[in-house]
């Protein structure tokens, strides 16, 4: 008879796996994909490097899991905003603002998700999640057209352009040591730089979609 793990053993393994993914996420946010070696992740998790392979067959598999969880959460948050209350134009503005603000509040992880060099398996996940962001933007743009708040357009093309533009605008601020994030600058100056960037991003998104006037940043 094949050995079956007890519920307690399964719970212990799942808890160890969750701990490993959480520590791996922290390492990636701090040093990027290339430097997030199995040894570095194991050290952060307080386990032997060989123990990592009890949970993941390779570094790439662990990286994919880290990416899916982190990016999945961002997709969830964006979806909640874009499908929330208010007009489609207001929700579009709020969605771009929330996405960008969350990125600037966790610059290391956001840069890893958006642009940092990564293994092909992680790169493939990045493309898949860009499609998810694009689909959410296309949905709210289509709603805006139906309600007469946005001009007729190919919503898929606009959503793709918007997804790419937001990511491109954020790349340099996320990568720069002195970029507008919560861990740089001082007090009011840092908040002003961040708010200015967010306002510009929202205004760009509204222009891109053809909104007749700017919606307030929320």
Protein backbone atom coordinates (compact mmCIF):
# COMPACT_ATOMS: atom_id res chain seq x y z
CA UNK A 1 0.00 0.00 0.00
CA UNK A 2 1.34 3.43 -0.96
CA UNK A 3 2.15 5.72 1.93
CA UNK A 4 -0.26 8.59 2.37
CA UNK A 5 0.71 11.72 4.21
CA UNK A 6 -1.39 12.54 7.25
CA UNK A 7 -3.42 15.78 7.38
CA UNK A 8 -0.89 17.15 9.85
CA UNK A 9 1.99 16.42 7.47
CA UNK A 10 0.14 17.99 4.55
CA UNK A 11 -0.59 21.08 6.62
CA UNK A 12 3.07 21.34 7.63
CA UNK A 13 4.23 21.03 4.02
CA UNK A 14 1.75 23.63 2.83
CA UNK A 15 2.80 26.04 5.59
CA UNK A 16 6.47 25.51 4.68
CA UNK A 17 5.69 26.12 1.00
CA UNK A 18 3.80 29.34 1.80
CA UNK A 19 6.70 30.54 3.95
CA UNK A 20 9.12 29.78 1.14
CA UNK A 21 7.07 31.70 -1.45
CA UNK A 22 6.73 34.68 0.89
CA UNK A 23 10.48 34.84 1.51
CA UNK A 24 11.21 34.34 -2.20
CA UNK A 25 8.93 37.27 -3.00
CA UNK A 26 10.85 39.46 -0.57
CA UNK A 27 14.17 38.43 -2.11
CA UNK A 28 12.95 39.15 -5.64
CA UNK A 29 11.66 42.55 -4.54
CA UNK A 30 15.05 43.34 -3.01
CA UNK A 31 17.51 42.03 -5.61
CA UNK A 32 15.51 41.09 -8.72
CA UNK A 33 15.03 37.78 -10.50
CA UNK A 34 18.63 37.28 -11.61
CA UNK A 35 20.09 37.57 -8.11
CA UNK A 36 17.28 35.63 -6.41
CA UNK A 37 19.20 32.35 -6.41
CA UNK A 38 17.95 29.21 -4.73
CA UNK A 39 20.63 29.70 -2.09
CA UNK A 40 19.57 33.30 -1.43
CA UNK A 41 15.93 32.29 -1.10
CA UNK A 42 16.78 29.34 1.13
CA UNK A 43 18.86 31.57 3.39
CA UNK A 44 15.98 34.04 3.66
CA UNK A 45 13.60 31.20 4.51
CA UNK A 46 15.99 29.71 7.04
CA UNK A 47 16.26 26.34 5.31
CA UNK A 48 18.87 24.37 3.39
CA UNK A 49 19.04 25.02 -0.34
CA UNK A 50 18.14 21.39 -1.04
CA UNK A 51 14.89 21.80 0.89
CA UNK A 52 13.63 24.27 -1.74
CA UNK A 53 13.39 21.37 -4.17
CA UNK A 54 10.97 19.57 -1.89
CA UNK A 55 8.44 22.19 -2.93
CA UNK A 56 9.54 23.32 -6.42
CA UNK A 57 11.40 21.35 -9.10
CA UNK A 58 13.50 24.34 -10.17
CA UNK A 59 14.29 27.99 -9.58
CA UNK A 60 12.15 28.82 -12.61
CA UNK A 61 9.13 27.05 -11.13
CA UNK A 62 9.52 28.98 -7.88
CA UNK A 63 9.87 32.22 -9.84
CA UNK A 64 6.68 31.51 -11.75
CA UNK A 65 4.80 30.93 -8.51
CA UNK A 66 6.12 34.18 -7.04
CA UNK A 67 5.13 36.08 -10.16
CA UNK A 68 1.66 34.54 -10.38
CA UNK A 69 0.82 35.39 -6.81
CA UNK A 70 2.17 38.93 -6.84
CA UNK A 71 0.80 39.83 -10.27
CA UNK A 72 -2.45 38.04 -9.55
CA UNK A 73 -3.05 40.28 -6.57
CA UNK A 74 -2.49 43.39 -8.69
CA UNK A 75 -4.96 42.12 -11.30
CA UNK A 76 -7.51 41.51 -8.55
CA UNK A 77 -7.12 45.01 -7.14
CA UNK A 78 -7.33 46.64 -10.57
CA UNK A 79 -10.42 44.58 -11.39
CA UNK A 80 -12.11 45.62 -8.17
CA UNK A 81 -11.58 49.29 -9.01
CA UNK A 82 -12.48 49.09 -12.70
CA UNK A 83 -15.65 47.12 -11.93
CA UNK A 84 -16.61 49.18 -8.90
CA UNK A 85 -18.92 52.12 -8.50
CA UNK A 86 -18.94 55.36 -10.49
CA UNK A 87 -18.93 56.11 -14.19
CA UNK A 88 -16.63 54.14 -16.52
CA UNK A 89 -14.47 57.22 -17.02
CA UNK A 90 -14.11 57.78 -13.29
CA UNK A 91 -13.29 54.10 -12.77
CA UNK A 92 -10.70 54.18 -15.55
CA UNK A 93 -9.00 57.16 -13.92
CA UNK A 94 -9.15 55.55 -10.48
CA UNK A 95 -7.84 52.24 -11.79
CA UNK A 96 -4.77 53.80 -13.38
CA UNK A 97 -4.15 55.85 -10.25
CA UNK A 98 -4.48 52.90 -7.89
CA UNK A 99 -2.30 50.64 -10.03
CA UNK A 100 0.47 53.25 -10.26
CA UNK A 101 0.32 54.20 -6.59
CA UNK A 102 0.57 50.57 -5.49
CA UNK A 103 3.58 50.14 -7.77
CA UNK A 104 5.33 53.18 -6.33
CA UNK A 105 4.63 51.98 -2.79
CA UNK A 106 6.46 48.69 -3.48
CA UNK A 107 8.97 49.69 -6.12
CA UNK A 108 11.24 46.66 -5.97
CA UNK A 109 8.48 44.13 -6.48
CA UNK A 110 6.67 46.30 -9.02
CA UNK A 111 9.83 46.64 -11.11
CA UNK A 112 10.32 42.88 -10.97
CA UNK A 113 6.77 42.34 -12.19
CA UNK A 114 6.91 44.95 -14.94
CA UNK A 115 10.39 45.02 -16.39
CA UNK A 116 13.27 43.36 -14.56
CA UNK A 117 15.22 40.76 -16.60
CA UNK A 118 13.87 37.30 -15.84
CA UNK A 119 13.99 33.70 -17.00
CA UNK A 120 11.84 32.81 -20.01
CA UNK A 121 9.22 31.09 -17.86
CA UNK A 122 8.70 34.27 -15.84
CA UNK A 123 8.73 36.33 -19.04
CA UNK A 124 5.91 34.19 -20.40
CA UNK A 125 3.88 34.83 -17.26
CA UNK A 126 4.53 38.56 -17.63
CA UNK A 127 3.00 38.50 -21.11
CA UNK A 128 -0.02 36.57 -19.86
CA UNK A 129 -0.70 39.05 -17.07
CA UNK A 130 -0.31 41.98 -19.44
CA UNK A 131 -3.17 40.41 -21.40
CA UNK A 132 -5.23 40.32 -18.22
CA UNK A 133 -4.60 43.98 -17.48
CA UNK A 134 -5.45 44.78 -21.08
CA UNK A 135 -8.71 42.84 -20.89
CA UNK A 136 -9.78 44.79 -17.80
CA UNK A 137 -9.07 48.13 -19.45
CA UNK A 138 -10.86 47.02 -22.63
CA UNK A 139 -13.91 46.11 -20.57
CA UNK A 140 -14.27 49.52 -18.93
CA UNK A 141 -13.52 51.33 -22.21
CA UNK A 142 -16.27 49.33 -23.95
CA UNK A 143 -18.65 50.27 -21.14
CA UNK A 144 -17.74 53.92 -21.57
CA UNK A 145 -18.51 53.73 -25.27
CA UNK A 146 -21.87 52.08 -24.64
CA UNK A 147 -22.82 54.88 -22.27
CA UNK A 148 -21.68 57.57 -24.70
CA UNK A 149 -18.92 58.77 -22.36
CA UNK A 150 -16.08 57.73 -24.68
CA UNK A 151 -15.91 58.13 -28.46
CA UNK A 152 -16.18 55.13 -30.80
CA UNK A 153 -12.84 53.35 -31.02
CA UNK A 154 -11.24 49.92 -31.06
CA UNK A 155 -11.28 49.32 -27.32
CA UNK A 156 -8.80 46.46 -27.56
CA UNK A 157 -6.24 48.68 -29.29
CA UNK A 158 -6.77 51.49 -26.79
CA UNK A 159 -6.48 49.07 -23.87
CA UNK A 160 -3.25 47.63 -25.26
CA UNK A 161 -1.80 51.11 -25.77
CA UNK A 162 -2.85 52.15 -22.28
CA UNK A 163 -1.39 49.02 -20.66
CA UNK A 164 1.92 49.53 -22.42
CA UNK A 165 2.06 53.25 -21.74
CA UNK A 166 1.39 52.96 -18.01
CA UNK A 167 4.07 50.31 -17.65
CA UNK A 168 6.58 52.29 -19.70
CA UNK A 169 6.00 55.48 -17.72
CA UNK A 170 6.55 53.63 -14.46
CA UNK A 171 9.70 51.73 -15.41
CA UNK A 172 12.24 54.52 -14.85
CA UNK A 173 10.73 55.83 -11.58
CA UNK A 174 10.58 52.26 -10.24
CA UNK A 175 14.16 51.49 -11.24
CA UNK A 176 15.76 54.79 -10.17
CA UNK A 177 17.26 54.86 -6.66
CA UNK A 178 15.96 58.41 -6.21
CA UNK A 179 12.64 57.86 -7.96
CA UNK A 180 9.33 59.07 -6.50
CA UNK A 181 8.59 56.31 -4.03
CA UNK A 182 7.85 56.11 -0.30
CA UNK A 183 11.43 55.15 0.58
CA UNK A 184 13.11 58.11 -1.09
CA UNK A 185 13.15 61.86 -0.70
CA UNK A 186 11.70 63.62 2.28
CA UNK A 187 8.17 64.33 3.37
CA UNK A 188 6.22 66.79 1.26
CA UNK A 189 8.72 66.79 -1.62
CA UNK A 190 8.40 63.04 -2.14
CA UNK A 191 4.60 63.14 -1.92
CA UNK A 192 4.49 66.01 -4.41
CA UNK A 193 6.66 64.17 -6.94
CA UNK A 194 4.56 61.03 -6.61
CA UNK A 195 1.27 62.92 -6.84
CA UNK A 196 2.48 64.80 -9.91
CA UNK A 197 3.42 61.55 -11.64
CA UNK A 198 0.09 59.95 -10.76
CA UNK A 199 -1.80 62.97 -12.05
CA UNK A 200 0.11 62.88 -15.33
CA UNK A 201 -0.56 59.15 -15.74
CA UNK A 202 -4.27 59.56 -15.14
CA UNK A 203 -4.47 62.50 -17.55
CA UNK A 204 -2.62 60.46 -20.17
CA UNK A 205 -5.02 57.54 -19.72
CA UNK A 206 -8.03 59.78 -20.20
CA UNK A 207 -6.53 61.39 -23.30
CA UNK A 208 -5.69 57.95 -24.68
CA UNK A 209 -9.29 56.79 -24.27
CA UNK A 210 -10.73 60.03 -25.63
CA UNK A 211 -12.43 61.14 -22.42
CA UNK A 212 -13.77 64.69 -22.90
CA UNK A 213 -12.45 65.97 -19.59
CA UNK A 214 -10.25 64.83 -16.74
CA UNK A 215 -11.83 62.84 -13.95
CA UNK A 216 -10.64 63.43 -10.39
CA UNK A 217 -7.82 61.22 -9.12
CA UNK A 218 -9.09 58.94 -6.35
